[in-house]
């Protein structure tokens, strides 16, 4: 936490009057407080700290090239497909697609709930997966929420590592998937192994996941957030930097919004 020392004027003392104010301790580089913030782990980081320094980006040149590749894929493939997807499918069908992929992610959420010792969350996640896979027809519908009032949540291995004290590490832009960081990229690999479709599709699960769900570039998610993404790009002087900062804030919120007691 940054400590700002201030001085106030006080009445002058007589030369013979002893001072009751202790002398200030000398400061140097070795004793100066650390002014670097880690937005994931520092409780006292400022609310308005939204500069590019919040997300360490030592690999920016490579990340920018990957970002340009992703923009090209978005322009020539994802955006046209998303438009067709959004215009051709009725609302309930699109909701069923989201329900289906969210249900596939429940086993990973369940394992991470257990690793985080969130027993109530784990029980809800297990119950949701059981109900939605059976009554909900392989997850196309969400009777767990509609009938039994069991709301879902997301918990991934990146969050598990964050709660264990693992720092976020450098910012990275993954091909097709977009913004991420080193810790959560590692967690993504673990979570893919926990998805049932991985054991059916093998490594191609990565392509299926990123194409249809993904962390911001998937068709289903892109259609849901298309307006917000377009507004961010149109209002940004540097879309890369804006996206990086937005990712950092969104990821921090995803980790801590339900876990303030863990800070």
C-alpha atoms as a PDB file:
ATOM      1  CA  UNK A   1       0.000   0.000   0.000  1.00  0.00           C
ATOM      2  CA  UNK A   2       1.367   3.454  -0.863  1.00  0.00           C
ATOM      3  CA  UNK A   3       1.873   5.597   2.227  1.00  0.00           C
ATOM      4  CA  UNK A   4       1.808   9.345   1.653  1.00  0.00           C
ATOM      5  CA  UNK A   5       3.521  11.246   4.403  1.00  0.00           C
ATOM      6  CA  UNK A   6       2.319  14.796   5.038  1.00  0.00           C
ATOM      7  CA  UNK A   7       3.476  17.536   7.397  1.00  0.00           C
ATOM      8  CA  UNK A   8       1.379  20.047   9.353  1.00  0.00           C
ATOM      9  CA  UNK A   9       2.584  23.345  10.714  1.00  0.00           C
ATOM     10  CA  UNK A  10       2.837  23.412  14.517  1.00  0.00           C
ATOM     11  CA  UNK A  11       3.593  26.215  16.992  1.00  0.00           C
ATOM     12  CA  UNK A  12       7.293  26.756  17.541  1.00  0.00           C
ATOM     13  CA  UNK A  13       8.757  25.457  20.819  1.00  0.00           C
ATOM     14  CA  UNK A  14      11.218  27.222  22.985  1.00  0.00           C
ATOM     15  CA  UNK A  15      14.761  26.024  22.583  1.00  0.00           C
ATOM     16  CA  UNK A  16      14.795  24.575  26.078  1.00  0.00           C
ATOM     17  CA  UNK A  17      11.497  22.762  25.761  1.00  0.00           C
ATOM     18  CA  UNK A  18      11.989  19.058  25.071  1.00  0.00           C
ATOM     19  CA  UNK A  19      10.377  17.690  21.958  1.00  0.00           C
ATOM     20  CA  UNK A  20       7.809  14.893  22.328  1.00  0.00           C
ATOM     21  CA  UNK A  21       7.746  14.076  18.645  1.00  0.00           C
ATOM     22  CA  UNK A  22      10.086  11.221  17.724  1.00  0.00           C
ATOM     23  CA  UNK A  23      12.532  11.868  14.937  1.00  0.00           C
ATOM     24  CA  UNK A  24      11.557  10.472  11.563  1.00  0.00           C
ATOM     25  CA  UNK A  25      13.398   7.332  10.639  1.00  0.00           C
ATOM     26  CA  UNK A  26      15.643   7.681   7.600  1.00  0.00           C
ATOM     27  CA  UNK A  27      14.406   6.027   4.471  1.00  0.00           C
ATOM     28  CA  UNK A  28      16.286   4.561   1.588  1.00  0.00           C
ATOM     29  CA  UNK A  29      15.632   2.221  -1.284  1.00  0.00           C
ATOM     30  CA  UNK A  30      15.900  -0.822   0.989  1.00  0.00           C
ATOM     31  CA  UNK A  31      13.210   0.389   3.427  1.00  0.00           C
ATOM     32  CA  UNK A  32      10.900   2.236   1.052  1.00  0.00           C
ATOM     33  CA  UNK A  33       7.446   0.672   0.747  1.00  0.00           C
ATOM     34  CA  UNK A  34       6.702  -1.367  -2.317  1.00  0.00           C
ATOM     35  CA  UNK A  35       4.494   0.654  -4.648  1.00  0.00           C
ATOM     36  CA  UNK A  36       3.835  -2.058  -7.182  1.00  0.00           C
ATOM     37  CA  UNK A  37       0.291  -3.413  -7.246  1.00  0.00           C
ATOM     38  CA  UNK A  38      -0.877  -6.838  -8.187  1.00  0.00           C
ATOM     39  CA  UNK A  39      -4.577  -6.368  -8.987  1.00  0.00           C
ATOM     40  CA  UNK A  40      -5.267 -10.029  -8.198  1.00  0.00           C
ATOM     41  CA  UNK A  41      -3.665 -10.198  -4.767  1.00  0.00           C
ATOM     42  CA  UNK A  42      -3.294  -6.673  -3.339  1.00  0.00           C
ATOM     43  CA  UNK A  43      -6.302  -5.739  -1.211  1.00  0.00           C
ATOM     44  CA  UNK A  44      -5.492  -2.036  -1.281  1.00  0.00           C
ATOM     45  CA  UNK A  45      -4.979  -1.477  -4.974  1.00  0.00           C
ATOM     46  CA  UNK A  46      -6.735   1.688  -6.189  1.00  0.00           C
ATOM     47  CA  UNK A  47     -10.146   1.373  -7.774  1.00  0.00           C
ATOM     48  CA  UNK A  48      -9.182   3.676 -10.655  1.00  0.00           C
ATOM     49  CA  UNK A  49      -6.014   1.823 -11.590  1.00  0.00           C
ATOM     50  CA  UNK A  50      -6.833   0.998 -15.154  1.00  0.00           C
ATOM     51  CA  UNK A  51      -3.612   1.864 -16.928  1.00  0.00           C
ATOM     52  CA  UNK A  52      -1.785  -0.576 -19.147  1.00  0.00           C
ATOM     53  CA  UNK A  53       0.663  -1.207 -16.302  1.00  0.00           C
ATOM     54  CA  UNK A  54      -2.022  -3.184 -14.456  1.00  0.00           C
ATOM     55  CA  UNK A  55      -1.509  -6.142 -16.803  1.00  0.00           C
ATOM     56  CA  UNK A  56       2.176  -7.050 -17.320  1.00  0.00           C
ATOM     57  CA  UNK A  57       2.845  -7.458 -21.019  1.00  0.00           C
ATOM     58  CA  UNK A  58       6.535  -8.226 -21.662  1.00  0.00           C
ATOM     59  CA  UNK A  59       5.649 -10.168 -24.832  1.00  0.00           C
ATOM     60  CA  UNK A  60       3.674  -7.321 -26.375  1.00  0.00           C
ATOM     61  CA  UNK A  61       5.230  -7.537 -29.850  1.00  0.00           C
ATOM     62  CA  UNK A  62       4.299 -11.220 -30.207  1.00  0.00           C
ATOM     63  CA  UNK A  63       0.914 -10.636 -28.589  1.00  0.00           C
ATOM     64  CA  UNK A  64       0.100  -7.858 -31.044  1.00  0.00           C
ATOM     65  CA  UNK A  65       0.861 -10.107 -33.998  1.00  0.00           C
ATOM     66  CA  UNK A  66      -1.378 -12.833 -32.556  1.00  0.00           C
ATOM     67  CA  UNK A  67      -4.022 -10.187 -31.904  1.00  0.00           C
ATOM     68  CA  UNK A  68      -3.886  -9.159 -35.567  1.00  0.00           C
ATOM     69  CA  UNK A  69      -4.214 -12.808 -36.616  1.00  0.00           C
ATOM     70  CA  UNK A  70      -7.270 -13.180 -34.371  1.00  0.00           C
ATOM     71  CA  UNK A  71      -8.788 -10.000 -35.812  1.00  0.00           C
ATOM     72  CA  UNK A  72      -8.324 -11.405 -39.312  1.00  0.00           C
ATOM     73  CA  UNK A  73     -10.003 -14.671 -38.315  1.00  0.00           C
ATOM     74  CA  UNK A  74     -12.773 -12.667 -36.707  1.00  0.00           C
ATOM     75  CA  UNK A  75     -13.303 -10.494 -39.792  1.00  0.00           C
ATOM     76  CA  UNK A  76     -13.214 -13.249 -42.412  1.00  0.00           C
ATOM     77  CA  UNK A  77     -14.702 -16.177 -40.496  1.00  0.00           C
ATOM     78  CA  UNK A  78     -16.175 -15.656 -37.030  1.00  0.00           C
ATOM     79  CA  UNK A  79     -18.031 -12.429 -37.701  1.00  0.00           C
ATOM     80  CA  UNK A  80     -19.864 -13.676 -40.851  1.00  0.00           C
ATOM     81  CA  UNK A  81     -20.648 -17.018 -39.219  1.00  0.00           C
ATOM     82  CA  UNK A  82     -21.822 -15.241 -36.069  1.00  0.00           C
ATOM     83  CA  UNK A  83     -24.139 -13.015 -38.105  1.00  0.00           C
ATOM     84  CA  UNK A  84     -25.693 -16.048 -39.797  1.00  0.00           C
ATOM     85  CA  UNK A  85     -25.911 -17.827 -36.440  1.00  0.00           C
ATOM     86  CA  UNK A  86     -27.586 -14.843 -34.808  1.00  0.00           C
ATOM     87  CA  UNK A  87     -30.071 -14.198 -37.598  1.00  0.00           C
ATOM     88  CA  UNK A  88     -31.001 -17.755 -38.508  1.00  0.00           C
ATOM     89  CA  UNK A  89     -31.527 -19.378 -35.117  1.00  0.00           C
ATOM     90  CA  UNK A  90     -34.424 -18.484 -32.814  1.00  0.00           C
ATOM     91  CA  UNK A  91     -33.638 -17.234 -29.336  1.00  0.00           C
ATOM     92  CA  UNK A  92     -34.468 -20.543 -27.645  1.00  0.00           C
ATOM     93  CA  UNK A  93     -32.184 -22.471 -29.986  1.00  0.00           C
ATOM     94  CA  UNK A  94     -29.272 -20.118 -29.238  1.00  0.00           C
ATOM     95  CA  UNK A  95     -29.996 -20.464 -25.530  1.00  0.00           C
ATOM     96  CA  UNK A  96     -29.893 -24.246 -25.897  1.00  0.00           C
ATOM     97  CA  UNK A  97     -26.478 -24.032 -27.576  1.00  0.00           C
ATOM     98  CA  UNK A  98     -25.134 -21.992 -24.660  1.00  0.00           C
ATOM     99  CA  UNK A  99     -26.760 -24.389 -22.173  1.00  0.00           C
ATOM    100  CA  UNK A 100     -25.181 -27.374 -23.930  1.00  0.00           C
ATOM    101  CA  UNK A 101     -21.629 -26.013 -23.797  1.00  0.00           C
ATOM    102  CA  UNK A 102     -22.028 -24.712 -20.265  1.00  0.00           C
ATOM    103  CA  UNK A 103     -23.173 -28.171 -19.190  1.00  0.00           C
ATOM    104  CA  UNK A 104     -20.045 -29.695 -20.769  1.00  0.00           C
ATOM    105  CA  UNK A 105     -18.016 -27.389 -18.546  1.00  0.00           C
ATOM    106  CA  UNK A 106     -19.715 -28.491 -15.320  1.00  0.00           C
ATOM    107  CA  UNK A 107     -17.306 -31.411 -14.589  1.00  0.00           C
ATOM    108  CA  UNK A 108     -14.341 -28.999 -14.680  1.00  0.00           C
ATOM    109  CA  UNK A 109     -16.236 -26.561 -12.463  1.00  0.00           C
ATOM    110  CA  UNK A 110     -17.055 -29.389 -10.026  1.00  0.00           C
ATOM    111  CA  UNK A 111     -13.413 -30.499  -9.725  1.00  0.00           C
ATOM    112  CA  UNK A 112     -12.249 -26.919  -9.183  1.00  0.00           C
ATOM    113  CA  UNK A 113     -14.958 -26.319  -6.577  1.00  0.00           C
ATOM    114  CA  UNK A 114     -13.562 -29.313  -4.678  1.00  0.00           C
ATOM    115  CA  UNK A 115      -9.968 -28.079  -5.032  1.00  0.00           C
ATOM    116  CA  UNK A 116     -11.048 -24.693  -3.713  1.00  0.00           C
ATOM    117  CA  UNK A 117     -12.915 -26.382  -0.828  1.00  0.00           C
ATOM    118  CA  UNK A 118     -16.162 -24.743  -1.893  1.00  0.00           C
ATOM    119  CA  UNK A 119     -18.302 -27.649  -0.754  1.00  0.00           C
ATOM    120  CA  UNK A 120     -21.713 -26.005  -1.246  1.00  0.00           C
ATOM    121  CA  UNK A 121     -20.768 -24.890  -4.741  1.00  0.00           C
ATOM    122  CA  UNK A 122     -19.500 -28.374  -5.561  1.00  0.00           C
ATOM    123  CA  UNK A 123     -22.787 -29.924  -4.432  1.00  0.00           C
ATOM    124  CA  UNK A 124     -24.788 -27.495  -6.578  1.00  0.00           C
ATOM    125  CA  UNK A 125     -22.544 -28.057  -9.606  1.00  0.00           C
ATOM    126  CA  UNK A 126     -22.832 -31.839  -9.328  1.00  0.00           C
ATOM    127  CA  UNK A 127     -26.603 -31.620  -8.939  1.00  0.00           C
ATOM    128  CA  UNK A 128     -26.901 -29.262 -11.908  1.00  0.00           C
ATOM    129  CA  UNK A 129     -24.877 -31.571 -14.145  1.00  0.00           C
ATOM    130  CA  UNK A 130     -26.948 -34.600 -13.118  1.00  0.00           C
ATOM    131  CA  UNK A 131     -30.309 -32.860 -13.598  1.00  0.00           C
ATOM    132  CA  UNK A 132     -29.452 -31.025 -16.829  1.00  0.00           C
ATOM    133  CA  UNK A 133     -27.790 -34.041 -18.450  1.00  0.00           C
ATOM    134  CA  UNK A 134     -30.845 -36.224 -17.794  1.00  0.00           C
ATOM    135  CA  UNK A 135     -34.003 -34.130 -17.516  1.00  0.00           C
ATOM    136  CA  UNK A 136     -32.439 -31.337 -19.551  1.00  0.00           C
ATOM    137  CA  UNK A 137     -31.689 -33.613 -22.523  1.00  0.00           C
ATOM    138  CA  UNK A 138     -27.875 -33.621 -22.517  1.00  0.00           C
ATOM    139  CA  UNK A 139     -27.781 -30.060 -21.255  1.00  0.00           C
ATOM    140  CA  UNK A 140     -29.857 -28.435 -24.000  1.00  0.00           C
ATOM    141  CA  UNK A 141     -32.202 -27.141 -21.318  1.00  0.00           C
ATOM    142  CA  UNK A 142     -31.574 -25.876 -17.785  1.00  0.00           C
ATOM    143  CA  UNK A 143     -34.253 -27.371 -15.512  1.00  0.00           C
ATOM    144  CA  UNK A 144     -31.800 -27.193 -12.608  1.00  0.00           C
ATOM    145  CA  UNK A 145     -32.213 -23.415 -12.635  1.00  0.00           C
ATOM    146  CA  UNK A 146     -35.779 -23.117 -13.924  1.00  0.00           C
ATOM    147  CA  UNK A 147     -37.370 -25.845 -11.777  1.00  0.00           C
ATOM    148  CA  UNK A 148     -35.007 -26.374  -8.843  1.00  0.00           C
ATOM    149  CA  UNK A 149     -33.658 -22.816  -8.527  1.00  0.00           C
ATOM    150  CA  UNK A 150     -30.003 -23.913  -8.725  1.00  0.00           C
ATOM    151  CA  UNK A 151     -28.040 -21.179 -10.459  1.00  0.00           C
ATOM    152  CA  UNK A 152     -24.819 -22.141 -12.167  1.00  0.00           C
ATOM    153  CA  UNK A 153     -21.389 -20.563 -11.801  1.00  0.00           C
ATOM    154  CA  UNK A 154     -17.998 -20.890 -13.413  1.00  0.00           C
ATOM    155  CA  UNK A 155     -14.885 -22.119 -11.643  1.00  0.00           C
ATOM    156  CA  UNK A 156     -11.694 -22.953 -13.519  1.00  0.00           C
ATOM    157  CA  UNK A 157      -8.183 -24.101 -12.680  1.00  0.00           C
ATOM    158  CA  UNK A 158      -6.801 -20.622 -13.249  1.00  0.00           C
ATOM    159  CA  UNK A 159      -9.033 -19.409 -10.422  1.00  0.00           C
ATOM    160  CA  UNK A 160      -7.924 -22.346  -8.291  1.00  0.00           C
ATOM    161  CA  UNK A 161      -4.278 -21.376  -8.789  1.00  0.00           C
ATOM    162  CA  UNK A 162      -5.068 -17.719  -8.052  1.00  0.00           C
ATOM    163  CA  UNK A 163      -6.655 -18.679  -4.728  1.00  0.00           C
ATOM    164  CA  UNK A 164      -3.560 -20.772  -3.957  1.00  0.00           C
ATOM    165  CA  UNK A 165      -1.391 -17.675  -4.398  1.00  0.00           C
ATOM    166  CA  UNK A 166      -0.048 -18.272  -7.898  1.00  0.00           C
ATOM    167  CA  UNK A 167       0.523 -14.868  -9.585  1.00  0.00           C
ATOM    168  CA  UNK A 168      -1.150 -14.141 -12.900  1.00  0.00           C
ATOM    169  CA  UNK A 169       2.095 -13.861 -14.820  1.00  0.00           C
ATOM    170  CA  UNK A 170       2.498 -12.097 -18.177  1.00  0.00           C
ATOM    171  CA  UNK A 171      -0.385 -11.268 -20.456  1.00  0.00           C
ATOM    172  CA  UNK A 172      -0.657 -13.536 -23.482  1.00  0.00           C
ATOM    173  CA  UNK A 173      -2.900 -13.563 -26.551  1.00  0.00           C
ATOM    174  CA  UNK A 174      -3.760 -17.103 -27.618  1.00  0.00           C
ATOM    175  CA  UNK A 175      -4.519 -17.995 -31.234  1.00  0.00           C
ATOM    176  CA  UNK A 176      -8.305 -18.029 -31.765  1.00  0.00           C
ATOM    177  CA  UNK A 177      -9.006 -17.722 -28.027  1.00  0.00           C
ATOM    178  CA  UNK A 178      -7.698 -14.201 -27.521  1.00  0.00           C
ATOM    179  CA  UNK A 179      -6.722 -12.498 -24.220  1.00  0.00           C
ATOM    180  CA  UNK A 180      -5.333 -14.598 -21.394  1.00  0.00           C
ATOM    181  CA  UNK A 181      -2.376 -14.741 -19.018  1.00  0.00           C
ATOM    182  CA  UNK A 182       0.305 -17.323 -18.352  1.00  0.00           C
ATOM    183  CA  UNK A 183      -1.325 -18.786 -15.237  1.00  0.00           C
ATOM    184  CA  UNK A 184      -4.799 -19.065 -16.743  1.00  0.00           C
ATOM    185  CA  UNK A 185      -3.445 -20.459 -20.014  1.00  0.00           C
ATOM    186  CA  UNK A 186      -1.950 -23.287 -17.996  1.00  0.00           C
ATOM    187  CA  UNK A 187      -5.250 -23.716 -16.191  1.00  0.00           C
ATOM    188  CA  UNK A 188      -7.051 -23.873 -19.522  1.00  0.00           C
ATOM    189  CA  UNK A 189      -5.090 -26.987 -20.483  1.00  0.00           C
ATOM    190  CA  UNK A 190      -6.096 -28.691 -17.223  1.00  0.00           C
ATOM    191  CA  UNK A 191      -9.742 -27.720 -17.712  1.00  0.00           C
ATOM    192  CA  UNK A 192      -9.802 -29.089 -21.260  1.00  0.00           C
ATOM    193  CA  UNK A 193      -8.770 -32.495 -19.894  1.00  0.00           C
ATOM    194  CA  UNK A 194     -11.769 -32.319 -17.548  1.00  0.00           C
ATOM    195  CA  UNK A 195     -14.277 -31.740 -20.330  1.00  0.00           C
ATOM    196  CA  UNK A 196     -16.087 -34.973 -21.385  1.00  0.00           C
ATOM    197  CA  UNK A 197     -15.728 -34.137 -25.102  1.00  0.00           C
ATOM    198  CA  UNK A 198     -11.926 -34.104 -24.815  1.00  0.00           C
ATOM    199  CA  UNK A 199     -11.966 -37.870 -24.354  1.00  0.00           C
ATOM    200  CA  UNK A 200     -14.083 -38.217 -27.505  1.00  0.00           C
ATOM    201  CA  UNK A 201     -12.414 -35.623 -29.746  1.00  0.00           C
ATOM    202  CA  UNK A 202      -8.876 -35.502 -28.370  1.00  0.00           C
ATOM    203  CA  UNK A 203      -6.823 -32.396 -29.272  1.00  0.00           C
ATOM    204  CA  UNK A 204      -9.518 -31.237 -31.734  1.00  0.00           C
ATOM    205  CA  UNK A 205     -11.569 -30.375 -28.644  1.00  0.00           C
ATOM    206  CA  UNK A 206      -9.517 -27.174 -28.476  1.00  0.00           C
ATOM    207  CA  UNK A 207     -10.764 -26.143 -31.927  1.00  0.00           C
ATOM    208  CA  UNK A 208     -14.365 -27.099 -31.146  1.00  0.00           C
ATOM    209  CA  UNK A 209     -14.275 -25.272 -27.818  1.00  0.00           C
ATOM    210  CA  UNK A 210     -12.722 -22.090 -29.209  1.00  0.00           C
ATOM    211  CA  UNK A 211     -14.975 -22.041 -32.263  1.00  0.00           C
ATOM    212  CA  UNK A 212     -18.273 -22.457 -30.462  1.00  0.00           C
ATOM    213  CA  UNK A 213     -17.654 -21.203 -26.935  1.00  0.00           C
ATOM    214  CA  UNK A 214     -14.130 -19.865 -26.463  1.00  0.00           C
ATOM    215  CA  UNK A 215     -13.013 -17.080 -24.097  1.00  0.00           C
ATOM    216  CA  UNK A 216     -14.487 -14.228 -26.098  1.00  0.00           C
ATOM    217  CA  UNK A 217     -14.060 -15.332 -29.708  1.00  0.00           C
ATOM    218  CA  UNK A 218     -16.384 -18.339 -29.765  1.00  0.00           C
ATOM    219  CA  UNK A 219     -19.462 -18.025 -31.951  1.00  0.00           C
ATOM    220  CA  UNK A 220     -21.978 -18.455 -29.126  1.00  0.00           C
ATOM    221  CA  UNK A 221     -20.267 -15.982 -26.805  1.00  0.00           C
ATOM    222  CA  UNK A 222     -19.440 -13.564 -29.600  1.00  0.00           C
ATOM    223  CA  UNK A 223     -23.089 -13.413 -30.683  1.00  0.00           C
ATOM    224  CA  UNK A 224     -24.149 -12.711 -27.112  1.00  0.00           C
ATOM    225  CA  UNK A 225     -21.587  -9.905 -26.628  1.00  0.00           C
ATOM    226  CA  UNK A 226     -21.282  -8.646 -30.220  1.00  0.00           C
ATOM    227  CA  UNK A 227     -22.498  -5.113 -29.470  1.00  0.00           C
ATOM    228  CA  UNK A 228     -20.182  -4.651 -26.503  1.00  0.00           C
ATOM    229  CA  UNK A 229     -17.165  -5.898 -28.444  1.00  0.00           C
ATOM    230  CA  UNK A 230     -17.937  -3.673 -31.423  1.00  0.00           C
ATOM    231  CA  UNK A 231     -18.462  -0.646 -29.167  1.00  0.00           C
ATOM    232  CA  UNK A 232     -15.137  -1.280 -27.436  1.00  0.00           C
ATOM    233  CA  UNK A 233     -13.290  -1.546 -30.743  1.00  0.00           C
ATOM    234  CA  UNK A 234     -14.941   1.537 -32.259  1.00  0.00           C
ATOM    235  CA  UNK A 235     -14.306   3.702 -29.198  1.00  0.00           C
ATOM    236  CA  UNK A 236     -10.679   2.634 -28.722  1.00  0.00           C
ATOM    237  CA  UNK A 237      -7.654   4.532 -29.963  1.00  0.00           C
ATOM    238  CA  UNK A 238      -5.652   1.334 -29.467  1.00  0.00           C
ATOM    239  CA  UNK A 239      -7.992  -1.671 -29.471  1.00  0.00           C
ATOM    240  CA  UNK A 240      -5.213  -4.015 -28.339  1.00  0.00           C
ATOM    241  CA  UNK A 241      -4.543  -1.998 -25.177  1.00  0.00           C
ATOM    242  CA  UNK A 242      -8.250  -1.514 -24.450  1.00  0.00           C
ATOM    243  CA  UNK A 243      -8.892  -5.234 -24.820  1.00  0.00           C
ATOM    244  CA  UNK A 244      -5.935  -6.086 -22.585  1.00  0.00           C
ATOM    245  CA  UNK A 245      -7.124  -3.777 -19.802  1.00  0.00           C
ATOM    246  CA  UNK A 246     -10.729  -4.925 -20.149  1.00  0.00           C
ATOM    247  CA  UNK A 247      -9.568  -8.537 -19.887  1.00  0.00           C
ATOM    248  CA  UNK A 248      -7.551  -7.797 -16.743  1.00  0.00           C
ATOM    249  CA  UNK A 249     -10.493  -6.147 -15.002  1.00  0.00           C
ATOM    250  CA  UNK A 250     -12.974  -8.792 -16.120  1.00  0.00           C
ATOM    251  CA  UNK A 251     -10.701 -11.647 -15.041  1.00  0.00           C
ATOM    252  CA  UNK A 252     -10.100 -10.107 -11.639  1.00  0.00           C
ATOM    253  CA  UNK A 253     -13.840  -9.751 -11.144  1.00  0.00           C
ATOM    254  CA  UNK A 254     -14.424 -13.374 -12.214  1.00  0.00           C
ATOM    255  CA  UNK A 255     -11.933 -14.599  -9.619  1.00  0.00           C
ATOM    256  CA  UNK A 256     -12.917 -12.490  -6.635  1.00  0.00           C
ATOM    257  CA  UNK A 257     -16.583 -11.521  -7.075  1.00  0.00           C
ATOM    258  CA  UNK A 258     -17.773 -14.625  -5.214  1.00  0.00           C
ATOM    259  CA  UNK A 259     -14.679 -15.066  -3.064  1.00  0.00           C
ATOM    260  CA  UNK A 260     -13.998 -11.815  -1.220  1.00  0.00           C
ATOM    261  CA  UNK A 261     -13.427 -13.771   1.990  1.00  0.00           C
ATOM    262  CA  UNK A 262     -10.356 -15.389   0.383  1.00  0.00           C
ATOM    263  CA  UNK A 263      -8.506 -12.114  -0.121  1.00  0.00           C
END
